[in-house]
Amino acid sequence: MQFSVEDMRCEHCAHAITGAVREADPLASVAVDVGAKCVTVDSRMPPDEIAKAVVDAGYTPVIRHA
């Protein structure tokens, strides 16, 4: 699943988002492209639960649909 996170600005943001996702799902694979403002997550959790973890970390994710 992919999310656009327009308010992600730097590596600190990327680290905070990665930590939030992994706190929600320790087995998740997380790839962050700060320049593209894109977060890709491989998780068994539903996208809305991953999005909630990112929101709880202070960011605004929008699910990208294929």
Protein backbone atom coordinates (compact mmCIF):
# COMPACT_ATOMS: atom_id res chain seq x y z
CA MET A 1 0.00 0.00 0.00
CA GLN A 2 1.18 3.53 -0.70
CA PHE A 3 0.42 6.79 1.00
CA SER A 4 1.05 10.39 -0.03
CA VAL A 5 2.24 12.38 2.97
CA GLU A 6 2.44 16.00 1.81
CA ASP A 7 3.50 17.31 5.24
CA MET A 8 6.58 15.03 5.33
CA ARG A 9 9.53 17.38 4.80
CA CYS A 10 12.76 15.70 5.94
CA GLU A 11 14.50 12.56 7.15
CA HIS A 12 13.30 13.26 10.70
CA CYS A 13 9.73 13.05 9.38
CA ALA A 14 10.57 9.84 7.52
CA HIS A 15 12.03 8.33 10.69
CA ALA A 16 8.98 9.34 12.75
CA ILE A 17 6.58 7.84 10.21
CA THR A 18 8.61 4.63 9.90
CA GLY A 19 8.66 4.30 13.69
CA ALA A 20 4.93 4.86 13.95
CA VAL A 21 4.17 2.22 11.33
CA ARG A 22 6.53 -0.29 12.93
CA GLU A 23 5.04 0.38 16.34
CA ALA A 24 1.62 -0.52 14.93
CA ASP A 25 3.03 -3.53 13.05
CA PRO A 26 6.55 -4.63 14.03
CA LEU A 27 6.72 -6.91 10.98
CA ALA A 28 5.88 -4.15 8.47
CA SER A 29 8.29 -3.25 5.72
CA VAL A 30 8.42 0.53 5.25
CA ALA A 31 10.03 2.47 2.39
CA VAL A 32 9.98 6.27 2.44
CA ASP A 33 10.73 8.65 -0.44
CA VAL A 34 10.88 12.10 1.14
CA GLY A 35 11.28 13.89 -2.20
CA ALA A 36 8.21 12.22 -3.67
CA LYS A 37 6.36 12.50 -0.32
CA CYS A 38 5.52 8.82 -0.63
CA VAL A 39 5.44 6.06 1.98
CA THR A 40 5.16 2.44 0.84
CA VAL A 41 4.16 -0.12 3.46
CA ASP A 42 4.01 -3.89 3.21
CA SER A 43 1.84 -5.03 6.11
CA ARG A 44 -0.98 -7.42 6.89
CA MET A 45 -2.77 -4.57 8.68
CA PRO A 46 -5.55 -2.75 6.81
CA PRO A 47 -4.54 0.55 5.17
CA ASP A 48 -6.81 2.56 7.47
CA GLU A 49 -5.01 1.21 10.56
CA ILE A 50 -1.61 2.07 9.08
CA ALA A 51 -2.94 5.53 8.18
CA LYS A 52 -4.14 6.01 11.77
CA ALA A 53 -0.65 5.23 13.08
CA VAL A 54 0.78 7.89 10.75
CA VAL A 55 -1.89 10.39 11.82
CA ASP A 56 -1.13 9.65 15.47
CA ALA A 57 2.52 10.52 14.71
CA GLY A 58 1.38 13.96 13.52
CA TYR A 59 1.24 13.54 9.75
CA THR A 60 -1.52 13.52 7.13
CA PRO A 61 -1.44 10.38 4.98
CA VAL A 62 -3.63 9.92 1.93
CA ILE A 63 -3.99 6.40 0.56
CA ARG A 64 -2.83 6.16 -3.06
CA HIS A 65 -5.02 3.91 -5.17
CA ALA A 66 -3.49 1.95 -8.04
